[in-house]
C-alpha atoms as a PDB file:
ATOM      1  CA  MET A   1      22.300 -31.609  18.791  1.00  0.00           C
ATOM      2  CA  THR A   2      23.141 -29.274  21.665  1.00  0.00           C
ATOM      3  CA  PHE A   3      22.868 -32.178  24.118  1.00  0.00           C
ATOM      4  CA  SER A   4      25.186 -34.327  21.953  1.00  0.00           C
ATOM      5  CA  ARG A   5      27.764 -31.549  21.764  1.00  0.00           C
ATOM      6  CA  VAL A   6      27.748 -30.951  25.526  1.00  0.00           C
ATOM      7  CA  LEU A   7      27.910 -34.698  26.198  1.00  0.00           C
ATOM      8  CA  GLY A   8      30.906 -35.050  23.861  1.00  0.00           C
ATOM      9  CA  GLU A   9      32.744 -32.194  25.582  1.00  0.00           C
ATOM     10  CA  ALA A  10      31.965 -33.713  29.011  1.00  0.00           C
ATOM     11  CA  LEU A  11      33.350 -37.114  27.983  1.00  0.00           C
ATOM     12  CA  VAL A  12      36.555 -35.540  26.610  1.00  0.00           C
ATOM     13  CA  LEU A  13      36.986 -33.491  29.791  1.00  0.00           C
ATOM     14  CA  TRP A  14      36.362 -36.544  32.009  1.00  0.00           C
ATOM     15  CA  TYR A  15      38.638 -38.960  30.201  1.00  0.00           C
ATOM     16  CA  GLY A  16      41.200 -36.336  29.195  1.00  0.00           C
ATOM     17  CA  GLY A  17      41.312 -34.854  32.687  1.00  0.00           C
ATOM     18  CA  TRP A  18      41.870 -38.298  34.204  1.00  0.00           C
ATOM     19  CA  SER A  19      44.688 -38.920  31.706  1.00  0.00           C
ATOM     20  CA  VAL A  20      46.304 -35.537  32.465  1.00  0.00           C
ATOM     21  CA  VAL A  21      46.231 -36.258  36.201  1.00  0.00           C
ATOM     22  CA  ASN A  22      47.865 -39.649  35.627  1.00  0.00           C
ATOM     23  CA  GLY A  23      50.494 -38.222  33.299  1.00  0.00           C
ATOM     24  CA  GLY A  24      49.303 -40.057  30.198  1.00  0.00           C
ATOM     25  CA  LEU A  25      48.248 -36.858  28.412  1.00  0.00           C
ATOM     26  CA  THR A  26      49.418 -33.259  28.352  1.00  0.00           C
ATOM     27  CA  LEU A  27      47.124 -30.318  29.021  1.00  0.00           C
ATOM     28  CA  GLY A  28      47.738 -28.915  25.528  1.00  0.00           C
ATOM     29  CA  VAL A  29      46.502 -32.125  23.886  1.00  0.00           C
ATOM     30  CA  LEU A  30      43.364 -32.016  26.040  1.00  0.00           C
ATOM     31  CA  VAL A  31      42.614 -28.420  24.993  1.00  0.00           C
ATOM     32  CA  ALA A  32      43.187 -29.367  21.335  1.00  0.00           C
ATOM     33  CA  PHE A  33      40.752 -32.285  21.588  1.00  0.00           C
ATOM     34  CA  LEU A  34      38.107 -29.984  23.117  1.00  0.00           C
ATOM     35  CA  GLY A  35      38.512 -27.680  20.103  1.00  0.00           C
ATOM     36  CA  TYR A  36      38.187 -30.640  17.722  1.00  0.00           C
ATOM     37  CA  VAL A  37      34.958 -31.751  19.393  1.00  0.00           C
ATOM     38  CA  ARG A  38      33.422 -28.275  19.093  1.00  0.00           C
ATOM     39  CA  ARG A  39      34.454 -27.921  15.437  1.00  0.00           C
ATOM     40  CA  PHE A  40      33.042 -31.388  14.706  1.00  0.00           C
ATOM     41  CA  PHE A  41      29.591 -30.434  15.949  1.00  0.00           C
ATOM     42  CA  ILE A  42      29.354 -27.022  14.182  1.00  0.00           C
ATOM     43  CA  PRO A  43      28.382 -28.412  10.714  1.00  0.00           C
ATOM     44  CA  LEU A  44      26.040 -30.938  12.314  1.00  0.00           C
ATOM     45  CA  THR A  45      24.268 -28.122  14.192  1.00  0.00           C
ATOM     46  CA  ASP A  46      24.019 -26.099  10.959  1.00  0.00           C
ATOM     47  CA  LEU A  47      22.464 -29.090   9.202  1.00  0.00           C
ATOM     48  CA  SER A  48      19.875 -29.432  11.933  1.00  0.00           C
ATOM     49  CA  GLN A  49      18.966 -25.746  11.541  1.00  0.00           C
ATOM     50  CA  VAL A  50      18.566 -26.236   7.777  1.00  0.00           C
ATOM     51  CA  TYR A  51      16.109 -29.029   8.469  1.00  0.00           C
ATOM     52  CA  ASN A  52      14.142 -26.765  10.827  1.00  0.00           C
ATOM     53  CA  THR A  53      14.057 -24.021   8.184  1.00  0.00           C
ATOM     54  CA  TYR A  54      12.876 -26.537   5.591  1.00  0.00           C
ATOM     55  CA  GLN A  55      10.046 -27.629   7.878  1.00  0.00           C
ATOM     56  CA  SER A  56       8.981 -24.026   8.493  1.00  0.00           C
ATOM     57  CA  ALA A  57       9.098 -23.244   4.774  1.00  0.00           C
ATOM     58  CA  GLY A  58       7.001 -26.318   4.021  1.00  0.00           C
ATOM     59  CA  ALA A  59       4.343 -25.204   6.511  1.00  0.00           C
ATOM     60  CA  ALA A  60       4.343 -21.690   5.039  1.00  0.00           C
ATOM     61  CA  LEU A  61       3.980 -23.052   1.485  1.00  0.00           C
ATOM     62  CA  ASP A  62       1.012 -25.131   2.612  1.00  0.00           C
ATOM     63  CA  ARG A  63      -0.665 -21.957   3.901  1.00  0.00           C
ATOM     64  CA  ILE A  64       0.111 -20.044   0.706  1.00  0.00           C
ATOM     65  CA  TYR A  65      -1.214 -22.875  -1.459  1.00  0.00           C
ATOM     66  CA  GLU A  66      -4.355 -23.012   0.681  1.00  0.00           C
ATOM     67  CA  TYR A  67      -4.875 -19.279   0.157  1.00  0.00           C
ATOM     68  CA  LEU A  68      -4.270 -19.429  -3.610  1.00  0.00           C
ATOM     69  CA  SER A  69      -6.676 -22.353  -3.912  1.00  0.00           C
ATOM     70  CA  ILE A  70      -9.620 -20.312  -2.617  1.00  0.00           C
ATOM     71  CA  PRO A  71     -12.007 -19.880  -5.584  1.00  0.00           C
ATOM     72  CA  ALA A  72     -12.652 -16.283  -6.684  1.00  0.00           C
ATOM     73  CA  ASP A  73     -16.100 -14.915  -5.913  1.00  0.00           C
ATOM     74  CA  ILE A  74     -16.067 -12.681  -8.998  1.00  0.00           C
ATOM     75  CA  ASP A  75     -18.500 -13.882 -11.668  1.00  0.00           C
ATOM     76  CA  LYS A  76     -16.898 -13.632 -15.124  1.00  0.00           C
ATOM     77  CA  SER A  77     -19.784 -15.141 -17.085  1.00  0.00           C
ATOM     78  CA  ASN A  78     -21.172 -11.833 -18.375  1.00  0.00           C
ATOM     79  CA  GLU A  79     -17.909 -10.017 -19.135  1.00  0.00           C
ATOM     80  CA  LEU A  80     -17.640  -8.139 -22.417  1.00  0.00           C
ATOM     81  CA  SER A  81     -14.807  -8.150 -24.936  1.00  0.00           C
ATOM     82  CA  ILE A  82     -13.841  -4.485 -24.712  1.00  0.00           C
ATOM     83  CA  GLN A  83     -10.730  -2.361 -25.030  1.00  0.00           C
ATOM     84  CA  GLN A  84      -9.500   0.200 -22.518  1.00  0.00           C
ATOM     85  CA  SER A  85      -9.539   2.798 -25.309  1.00  0.00           C
ATOM     86  CA  ASP A  86     -13.350   2.508 -25.345  1.00  0.00           C
ATOM     87  CA  PHE A  87     -13.522   4.338 -21.994  1.00  0.00           C
ATOM     88  CA  ARG A  88     -13.211   7.998 -21.061  1.00  0.00           C
ATOM     89  CA  GLY A  89     -13.148   7.613 -17.275  1.00  0.00           C
ATOM     90  CA  GLY A  90     -16.552   8.737 -16.010  1.00  0.00           C
ATOM     91  CA  PHE A  91     -18.155   6.549 -13.354  1.00  0.00           C
ATOM     92  CA  SER A  92     -21.431   6.341 -11.449  1.00  0.00           C
ATOM     93  CA  PHE A  93     -23.039   4.716  -8.429  1.00  0.00           C
ATOM     94  CA  GLU A  94     -26.760   4.013  -8.738  1.00  0.00           C
ATOM     95  CA  GLY A  95     -28.734   2.946  -5.673  1.00  0.00           C
ATOM     96  CA  VAL A  96     -25.723   1.104  -4.205  1.00  0.00           C
ATOM     97  CA  ASN A  97     -26.132  -0.747  -0.930  1.00  0.00           C
ATOM     98  CA  PHE A  98     -23.441  -2.683   0.888  1.00  0.00           C
ATOM     99  CA  ALA A  99     -23.125  -4.270   4.314  1.00  0.00           C
ATOM    100  CA  TYR A 100     -20.441  -6.083   6.290  1.00  0.00           C
ATOM    101  CA  GLY A 101     -22.448  -9.078   7.398  1.00  0.00           C
ATOM    102  CA  ASP A 102     -25.593  -7.637   8.942  1.00  0.00           C
ATOM    103  CA  VAL A 103     -24.124  -4.158   9.468  1.00  0.00           C
ATOM    104  CA  PRO A 104     -25.155  -1.749   6.658  1.00  0.00           C
ATOM    105  CA  ILE A 105     -22.299   0.528   5.550  1.00  0.00           C
ATOM    106  CA  ILE A 106     -23.418   2.094   2.249  1.00  0.00           C
ATOM    107  CA  LYS A 107     -27.093   3.002   1.887  1.00  0.00           C
ATOM    108  CA  ASP A 108     -28.838   3.975  -1.379  1.00  0.00           C
ATOM    109  CA  PHE A 109     -25.701   5.704  -2.630  1.00  0.00           C
ATOM    110  CA  ASP A 110     -26.052   7.677  -5.881  1.00  0.00           C
ATOM    111  CA  LEU A 111     -23.230   9.590  -7.548  1.00  0.00           C
ATOM    112  CA  GLN A 112     -22.362  10.630 -11.090  1.00  0.00           C
ATOM    113  CA  VAL A 113     -18.783  11.727 -11.882  1.00  0.00           C
ATOM    114  CA  SER A 114     -18.078  13.009 -15.390  1.00  0.00           C
ATOM    115  CA  PRO A 115     -14.923  12.148 -17.377  1.00  0.00           C
ATOM    116  CA  GLY A 116     -12.080  14.448 -16.363  1.00  0.00           C
ATOM    117  CA  GLU A 117     -13.862  15.652 -13.208  1.00  0.00           C
ATOM    118  CA  VAL A 118     -12.127  15.730  -9.821  1.00  0.00           C
ATOM    119  CA  PHE A 119     -14.619  14.715  -7.146  1.00  0.00           C
ATOM    120  CA  ALA A 120     -13.800  14.724  -3.433  1.00  0.00           C
ATOM    121  CA  LEU A 121     -15.464  12.859  -0.580  1.00  0.00           C
ATOM    122  CA  VAL A 122     -15.293  14.036   3.010  1.00  0.00           C
ATOM    123  CA  GLY A 123     -16.886  12.720   6.132  1.00  0.00           C
ATOM    124  CA  PRO A 124     -16.152  11.523   9.653  1.00  0.00           C
ATOM    125  CA  THR A 125     -14.200   8.342  10.332  1.00  0.00           C
ATOM    126  CA  GLY A 126     -16.298   5.261   9.601  1.00  0.00           C
ATOM    127  CA  ALA A 127     -18.622   7.017   7.161  1.00  0.00           C
ATOM    128  CA  GLY A 128     -17.808   4.506   4.401  1.00  0.00           C
ATOM    129  CA  LYS A 129     -15.404   6.470   2.198  1.00  0.00           C
ATOM    130  CA  SER A 130     -12.782   3.745   1.787  1.00  0.00           C
ATOM    131  CA  THR A 131     -15.520   1.148   1.333  1.00  0.00           C
ATOM    132  CA  LEU A 132     -16.690   3.020  -1.765  1.00  0.00           C
ATOM    133  CA  VAL A 133     -13.161   2.747  -3.174  1.00  0.00           C
ATOM    134  CA  ASN A 134     -13.197  -1.004  -2.565  1.00  0.00           C
ATOM    135  CA  LEU A 135     -16.564  -1.290  -4.301  1.00  0.00           C
ATOM    136  CA  LEU A 136     -15.423   0.696  -7.351  1.00  0.00           C
ATOM    137  CA  THR A 137     -12.366  -1.545  -7.766  1.00  0.00           C
ATOM    138  CA  ARG A 138     -14.426  -4.721  -7.119  1.00  0.00           C
ATOM    139  CA  LEU A 139     -12.484  -5.710  -4.052  1.00  0.00           C
ATOM    140  CA  TYR A 140     -15.971  -6.092  -2.592  1.00  0.00           C
ATOM    141  CA  GLU A 141     -19.162  -6.940  -4.460  1.00  0.00           C
ATOM    142  CA  ILE A 142     -22.169  -4.693  -3.883  1.00  0.00           C
ATOM    143  CA  ASP A 143     -25.345  -6.099  -2.351  1.00  0.00           C
ATOM    144  CA  GLN A 144     -27.723  -3.984  -4.429  1.00  0.00           C
ATOM    145  CA  GLY A 145     -27.534  -1.333  -7.107  1.00  0.00           C
ATOM    146  CA  LYS A 146     -25.138  -0.714  -9.959  1.00  0.00           C
ATOM    147  CA  ILE A 147     -21.673   0.735 -10.444  1.00  0.00           C
ATOM    148  CA  SER A 148     -20.741   1.776 -13.988  1.00  0.00           C
ATOM    149  CA  ILE A 149     -17.795   3.205 -15.869  1.00  0.00           C
ATOM    150  CA  ASP A 150     -18.905   5.206 -18.916  1.00  0.00           C
ATOM    151  CA  GLY A 151     -22.288   3.502 -18.726  1.00  0.00           C
ATOM    152  CA  ILE A 152     -20.918  -0.054 -18.651  1.00  0.00           C
ATOM    153  CA  ASP A 153     -21.581  -2.070 -15.501  1.00  0.00           C
ATOM    154  CA  ILE A 154     -18.254  -2.939 -13.855  1.00  0.00           C
ATOM    155  CA  ASP A 155     -19.535  -6.525 -13.549  1.00  0.00           C
ATOM    156  CA  ARG A 156     -19.210  -6.716 -17.349  1.00  0.00           C
ATOM    157  CA  ILE A 157     -15.682  -5.292 -17.513  1.00  0.00           C
ATOM    158  CA  PRO A 158     -12.910  -7.926 -17.285  1.00  0.00           C
ATOM    159  CA  ILE A 159     -11.356  -7.566 -13.847  1.00  0.00           C
ATOM    160  CA  LYS A 160      -7.797  -7.146 -15.174  1.00  0.00           C
ATOM    161  CA  LYS A 161      -8.861  -4.348 -17.532  1.00  0.00           C
ATOM    162  CA  LEU A 162     -10.900  -2.695 -14.783  1.00  0.00           C
ATOM    163  CA  ARG A 163      -7.894  -2.528 -12.465  1.00  0.00           C
ATOM    164  CA  ARG A 164      -5.606  -1.303 -15.244  1.00  0.00           C
ATOM    165  CA  MET A 165      -7.951   1.656 -15.645  1.00  0.00           C
ATOM    166  CA  ILE A 166      -7.722   2.593 -11.961  1.00  0.00           C
ATOM    167  CA  SER A 167      -4.746   3.598  -9.823  1.00  0.00           C
ATOM    168  CA  ILE A 168      -5.002   4.062  -6.064  1.00  0.00           C
ATOM    169  CA  VAL A 169      -2.671   6.108  -3.861  1.00  0.00           C
ATOM    170  CA  THR A 170      -3.326   5.329  -0.211  1.00  0.00           C
ATOM    171  CA  GLN A 171      -2.134   6.732   3.092  1.00  0.00           C
ATOM    172  CA  ASP A 172      -0.058   3.632   3.842  1.00  0.00           C
ATOM    173  CA  VAL A 173       2.321   3.265   0.916  1.00  0.00           C
ATOM    174  CA  PHE A 174       3.753  -0.214   0.418  1.00  0.00           C
ATOM    175  CA  LEU A 175       7.228  -0.395  -1.084  1.00  0.00           C
ATOM    176  CA  PHE A 176       9.131  -3.584  -1.880  1.00  0.00           C
ATOM    177  CA  ASN A 177      12.617  -4.215  -0.554  1.00  0.00           C
ATOM    178  CA  THR A 178      14.265  -3.326  -3.845  1.00  0.00           C
ATOM    179  CA  SER A 179      15.411  -0.206  -5.695  1.00  0.00           C
ATOM    180  CA  ILE A 180      13.408   2.982  -6.110  1.00  0.00           C
ATOM    181  CA  LEU A 181      13.443   2.394  -9.860  1.00  0.00           C
ATOM    182  CA  GLU A 182      11.828  -1.031  -9.566  1.00  0.00           C
ATOM    183  CA  ASN A 183       9.269   0.229  -7.054  1.00  0.00           C
ATOM    184  CA  ILE A 184       8.167   3.000  -9.413  1.00  0.00           C
ATOM    185  CA  ARG A 185       7.715   0.753 -12.434  1.00  0.00           C
ATOM    186  CA  TYR A 186       6.060  -2.025 -10.482  1.00  0.00           C
ATOM    187  CA  GLY A 187       2.761  -1.390 -12.303  1.00  0.00           C
ATOM    188  CA  VAL A 188       4.439  -0.927 -15.699  1.00  0.00           C
ATOM    189  CA  PRO A 189       7.386  -3.360 -15.845  1.00  0.00           C
ATOM    190  CA  SER A 190       8.087  -2.468 -19.485  1.00  0.00           C
ATOM    191  CA  ALA A 191       8.785   1.204 -18.685  1.00  0.00           C
ATOM    192  CA  THR A 192      12.312   2.361 -19.527  1.00  0.00           C
ATOM    193  CA  ASP A 193      14.630   4.146 -17.103  1.00  0.00           C
ATOM    194  CA  ALA A 194      14.176   7.359 -19.099  1.00  0.00           C
ATOM    195  CA  GLU A 195      10.373   7.145 -18.833  1.00  0.00           C
ATOM    196  CA  VAL A 196      10.560   6.598 -15.078  1.00  0.00           C
ATOM    197  CA  LYS A 197      12.849   9.607 -14.613  1.00  0.00           C
ATOM    198  CA  GLU A 198      10.649  11.799 -16.803  1.00  0.00           C
ATOM    199  CA  VAL A 199       7.575  10.990 -14.714  1.00  0.00           C
ATOM    200  CA  ALA A 200       9.535  11.479 -11.472  1.00  0.00           C
ATOM    201  CA  GLN A 201      10.493  14.972 -12.597  1.00  0.00           C
ATOM    202  CA  LEU A 202       6.827  15.817 -13.234  1.00  0.00           C
ATOM    203  CA  ILE A 203       5.908  14.658  -9.699  1.00  0.00           C
ATOM    204  CA  ASN A 204       8.801  16.525  -7.970  1.00  0.00           C
ATOM    205  CA  ALA A 205      10.344  13.224  -6.857  1.00  0.00           C
ATOM    206  CA  HIS A 206      13.436  13.383  -9.082  1.00  0.00           C
ATOM    207  CA  ASP A 207      15.285  15.967  -6.962  1.00  0.00           C
ATOM    208  CA  PHE A 208      15.273  13.974  -3.744  1.00  0.00           C
ATOM    209  CA  ILE A 209      15.969  10.676  -5.535  1.00  0.00           C
ATOM    210  CA  ILE A 210      19.183  11.849  -7.213  1.00  0.00           C
ATOM    211  CA  LYS A 211      20.457  13.128  -3.842  1.00  0.00           C
ATOM    212  CA  LEU A 212      20.299   9.618  -2.381  1.00  0.00           C
ATOM    213  CA  PRO A 213      23.588   7.613  -2.274  1.00  0.00           C
ATOM    214  CA  ASP A 214      22.711   5.409  -5.265  1.00  0.00           C
ATOM    215  CA  GLY A 215      20.058   7.560  -6.912  1.00  0.00           C
ATOM    216  CA  TYR A 216      17.334   5.494  -8.556  1.00  0.00           C
ATOM    217  CA  GLN A 217      19.170   2.293  -7.601  1.00  0.00           C
ATOM    218  CA  THR A 218      18.917   3.070  -3.876  1.00  0.00           C
ATOM    219  CA  GLN A 219      17.503   0.130  -1.927  1.00  0.00           C
ATOM    220  CA  VAL A 220      14.509   1.336   0.098  1.00  0.00           C
ATOM    221  CA  GLY A 221      14.472  -1.469   2.689  1.00  0.00           C
ATOM    222  CA  GLU A 222      11.515  -3.509   3.892  1.00  0.00           C
ATOM    223  CA  GLU A 223       8.325  -1.483   3.304  1.00  0.00           C
ATOM    224  CA  GLY A 224      10.468   1.570   2.449  1.00  0.00           C
ATOM    225  CA  VAL A 225      11.923   1.882   5.950  1.00  0.00           C
ATOM    226  CA  LYS A 226      14.908   3.883   4.654  1.00  0.00           C
ATOM    227  CA  LEU A 227      12.688   6.674   3.288  1.00  0.00           C
ATOM    228  CA  SER A 228      10.564   9.303   5.007  1.00  0.00           C
ATOM    229  CA  GLY A 229       6.782   9.305   4.772  1.00  0.00           C
ATOM    230  CA  GLY A 230       6.803  12.177   2.275  1.00  0.00           C
ATOM    231  CA  GLN A 231       9.399  10.480   0.069  1.00  0.00           C
ATOM    232  CA  LYS A 232       7.418   7.252   0.007  1.00  0.00           C
ATOM    233  CA  GLN A 233       4.301   9.179  -0.916  1.00  0.00           C
ATOM    234  CA  LEU A 234       6.052  10.939  -3.805  1.00  0.00           C
ATOM    235  CA  ILE A 235       7.245   7.566  -5.102  1.00  0.00           C
ATOM    236  CA  SER A 236       3.668   6.318  -4.882  1.00  0.00           C
ATOM    237  CA  PHE A 237       2.427   9.305  -6.901  1.00  0.00           C
ATOM    238  CA  THR A 238       5.143   8.697  -9.487  1.00  0.00           C
ATOM    239  CA  ARG A 239       4.134   5.049  -9.740  1.00  0.00           C
ATOM    240  CA  ALA A 240       0.494   6.055 -10.254  1.00  0.00           C
ATOM    241  CA  LEU A 241       1.297   8.584 -12.989  1.00  0.00           C
ATOM    242  CA  LEU A 242       3.555   6.106 -14.802  1.00  0.00           C
ATOM    243  CA  ALA A 243       0.580   3.712 -15.028  1.00  0.00           C
ATOM    244  CA  ASP A 244      -1.409   6.538 -16.698  1.00  0.00           C
ATOM    245  CA  PRO A 245      -4.823   5.463 -15.319  1.00  0.00           C
ATOM    246  CA  LEU A 246      -8.178   6.722 -16.550  1.00  0.00           C
ATOM    247  CA  ILE A 247      -9.399   6.987 -12.962  1.00  0.00           C
ATOM    248  CA  LEU A 248      -7.165   8.036 -10.089  1.00  0.00           C
ATOM    249  CA  ILE A 249      -8.176   7.462  -6.465  1.00  0.00           C
ATOM    250  CA  LEU A 250      -6.420   9.282  -3.643  1.00  0.00           C
ATOM    251  CA  ASP A 251      -7.387   7.705  -0.336  1.00  0.00           C
ATOM    252  CA  GLU A 252      -6.045   9.932   2.462  1.00  0.00           C
ATOM    253  CA  ALA A 253      -2.875  10.298   0.400  1.00  0.00           C
ATOM    254  CA  THR A 254      -1.507  13.351   2.252  1.00  0.00           C
ATOM    255  CA  SER A 255      -2.763  12.736   5.791  1.00  0.00           C
ATOM    256  CA  SER A 256       0.531  11.516   7.272  1.00  0.00           C
ATOM    257  CA  VAL A 257       3.191  13.748   5.684  1.00  0.00           C
ATOM    258  CA  ASP A 258       4.956  16.849   6.952  1.00  0.00           C
ATOM    259  CA  ALA A 259       4.178  20.366   5.717  1.00  0.00           C
ATOM    260  CA  TYR A 260       7.084  20.532   3.232  1.00  0.00           C
ATOM    261  CA  SER A 261       6.254  17.141   1.720  1.00  0.00           C
ATOM    262  CA  GLU A 262       2.608  18.124   1.508  1.00  0.00           C
ATOM    263  CA  LEU A 263       3.601  21.249  -0.460  1.00  0.00           C
ATOM    264  CA  LEU A 264       5.546  19.099  -2.947  1.00  0.00           C
ATOM    265  CA  ILE A 265       2.627  16.690  -3.191  1.00  0.00           C
ATOM    266  CA  GLN A 266       0.141  19.510  -3.774  1.00  0.00           C
ATOM    267  CA  GLN A 267       2.299  20.703  -6.654  1.00  0.00           C
ATOM    268  CA  ALA A 268       2.495  17.134  -7.962  1.00  0.00           C
ATOM    269  CA  LEU A 269      -1.291  16.803  -7.817  1.00  0.00           C
ATOM    270  CA  GLU A 270      -1.713  19.473 -10.466  1.00  0.00           C
ATOM    271  CA  THR A 271       0.214  17.253 -12.880  1.00  0.00           C
ATOM    272  CA  LEU A 272      -1.328  14.027 -11.670  1.00  0.00           C
ATOM    273  CA  LEU A 273      -4.935  15.200 -11.974  1.00  0.00           C
ATOM    274  CA  ALA A 274      -4.627  16.939 -15.341  1.00  0.00           C
ATOM    275  CA  ASP A 275      -7.180  15.552 -17.847  1.00  0.00           C
ATOM    276  CA  ARG A 276      -7.954  12.660 -15.536  1.00  0.00           C
ATOM    277  CA  THR A 277     -11.032  11.560 -13.601  1.00  0.00           C
ATOM    278  CA  ALA A 278     -10.243  11.492  -9.906  1.00  0.00           C
ATOM    279  CA  LEU A 279     -11.868  10.538  -6.639  1.00  0.00           C
ATOM    280  CA  ILE A 280     -10.219  12.186  -3.641  1.00  0.00           C
ATOM    281  CA  ILE A 281     -10.848  11.055  -0.087  1.00  0.00           C
ATOM    282  CA  ALA A 282      -9.261  13.460   2.347  1.00  0.00           C
ATOM    283  CA  HIS A 283      -9.250  14.718   5.909  1.00  0.00           C
ATOM    284  CA  ARG A 284      -6.883  17.565   5.083  1.00  0.00           C
ATOM    285  CA  PHE A 285      -8.931  20.276   3.432  1.00  0.00           C
ATOM    286  CA  SER A 286      -5.865  21.646   1.634  1.00  0.00           C
ATOM    287  CA  THR A 287      -6.131  18.640  -0.681  1.00  0.00           C
ATOM    288  CA  LEU A 288      -9.690  19.572  -1.610  1.00  0.00           C
ATOM    289  CA  LYS A 289      -8.537  22.692  -3.468  1.00  0.00           C
ATOM    290  CA  GLN A 290      -8.077  20.495  -6.534  1.00  0.00           C
ATOM    291  CA  ALA A 291     -11.695  19.255  -6.479  1.00  0.00           C
ATOM    292  CA  ASP A 292     -14.418  20.442  -8.864  1.00  0.00           C
ATOM    293  CA  ARG A 293     -17.135  19.167  -6.529  1.00  0.00           C
ATOM    294  CA  ILE A 294     -17.144  17.874  -2.959  1.00  0.00           C
ATOM    295  CA  GLY A 295     -19.544  15.313  -1.511  1.00  0.00           C
ATOM    296  CA  VAL A 296     -20.303  14.933   2.199  1.00  0.00           C
ATOM    297  CA  LEU A 297     -20.717  11.360   3.392  1.00  0.00           C
ATOM    298  CA  GLN A 298     -22.360  10.503   6.711  1.00  0.00           C
ATOM    299  CA  LYS A 299     -23.118   6.967   7.895  1.00  0.00           C
ATOM    300  CA  GLY A 300     -22.946   5.603   4.360  1.00  0.00           C
ATOM    301  CA  GLU A 301     -25.251   8.226   2.840  1.00  0.00           C
ATOM    302  CA  LEU A 302     -24.339  11.111   0.536  1.00  0.00           C
ATOM    303  CA  ILE A 303     -26.049  14.000   2.296  1.00  0.00           C
ATOM    304  CA  ASP A 304     -24.783  16.946   0.237  1.00  0.00           C
ATOM    305  CA  ILE A 305     -22.740  17.934  -2.846  1.00  0.00           C
ATOM    306  CA  GLY A 306     -21.281  21.314  -3.700  1.00  0.00           C
ATOM    307  CA  THR A 307     -18.192  23.491  -3.819  1.00  0.00           C
ATOM    308  CA  HIS A 308     -16.101  24.257  -0.756  1.00  0.00           C
ATOM    309  CA  ASN A 309     -17.734  27.666  -0.217  1.00  0.00           C
ATOM    310  CA  GLU A 310     -21.255  26.338  -0.795  1.00  0.00           C
ATOM    311  CA  LEU A 311     -20.809  23.550   1.730  1.00  0.00           C
ATOM    312  CA  LEU A 312     -19.329  25.902   4.335  1.00  0.00           C
ATOM    313  CA  LEU A 313     -22.487  27.989   4.107  1.00  0.00           C
ATOM    314  CA  ASN A 314     -25.088  25.244   3.801  1.00  0.00           C
ATOM    315  CA  ASN A 315     -23.782  22.054   5.447  1.00  0.00           C
ATOM    316  CA  SER A 316     -23.211  21.965   9.204  1.00  0.00           C
ATOM    317  CA  LEU A 317     -21.234  18.681   9.156  1.00  0.00           C
ATOM    318  CA  TYR A 318     -18.833  19.989   6.518  1.00  0.00           C
ATOM    319  CA  CYS A 319     -18.409  23.227   8.451  1.00  0.00           C
ATOM    320  CA  LYS A 320     -17.711  21.270  11.639  1.00  0.00           C
ATOM    321  CA  LEU A 321     -15.092  19.095   9.911  1.00  0.00           C
ATOM    322  CA  PHE A 322     -13.457  22.146   8.355  1.00  0.00           C
ATOM    323  CA  LYS A 323     -13.206  23.985  11.703  1.00  0.00           C
ATOM    324  CA  LYS A 324     -11.810  20.868  13.375  1.00  0.00           C
ATOM    325  CA  GLN A 325      -9.109  20.570  10.701  1.00  0.00           C
ATOM    326  CA  SER A 326      -8.318  24.301  10.882  1.00  0.00           C
ATOM    327  CA  ASN A 327      -7.884  24.169  14.667  1.00  0.00           C
ATOM    328  CA  ALA A 328      -5.607  21.142  14.299  1.00  0.00           C
ATOM    329  CA  VAL A 329      -3.426  23.030  11.805  1.00  0.00           C
ATOM    330  CA  ILE A 330      -3.224  26.045  14.135  1.00  0.00           C
ATOM    331  CA  ARG A 331      -2.138  23.847  17.067  1.00  0.00           C
ATOM    332  CA  GLU A 332       0.469  22.155  14.879  1.00  0.00           C
ATOM    333  CA  ASN A 333       1.876  25.506  13.762  1.00  0.00           C
ATOM    334  CA  LYS A 334       2.112  26.710  17.355  1.00  0.00           C
ATOM    335  CA  LYS A 335       4.140  23.629  18.289  1.00  0.00           C
ATOM    336  CA  ILE A 336       6.524  24.375  15.431  1.00  0.00           C
END
């Protein structure tokens, strides 16, 4: 199309210029014809771009269809007909083993968490903490062992009901390019505006939301680009509380926020964790204040369980991680 447009302009200039030189055409008419040629090709160029967009969209749809056509690996043959009200929220890992290919990640992992207990996991990077979260939510299937919720194997719990019972707040919060209100009630579309605002007040998110130009109707941009890290995290906490899960998982939920936002989040945690089973994975030891027990994970193995003070006295790895975090906080404060 570009070649046709340039060729048309060249022909008009050649013939029109020859006519102007010979007195058969005025310069104004020539300029007008050049404008006509350009205007003629604009809609044709737009149509060609539409065709290109259509081709790209068709290729993308083929890829999406290919992805959606992949059969699920989850076996539903032994699922039970159970209600969410039958559960209290306790969960356990019994002799769990898991490997990525031939690389073992989780080894003979045993853990019992009672209903309403807040259990924290700490360990160096790559110890397998996030993998345990993926196993509990059946994003991965275990190789050996058993994972249960209130004594019922998660393999026998319908996958939709299992994931309604669990909410996860991660370090990298994903927000859709829509309003704050719609992002909060993403997990509970039937929630009213009043219910969303009530939960936001409990999580300390209401105050910053109402100060935004359009309040709860403020558009957050792609992946929440218009909000700070702390604001996105507070919205994520609000979304989790609105879903009212039996089991709450916090996977490094405060590791990338500033000190003020972390203070707000710590206050919100008291509300979020009340009467709820929770699994906290954290590098910041300030988050562990909410935990009833803390487990130390090293190379996929649970090497110790205890309170913060007990582990400081008896576990060298925990003590090392705590000192490393404390020194990092001191350096950060000095910079401020």
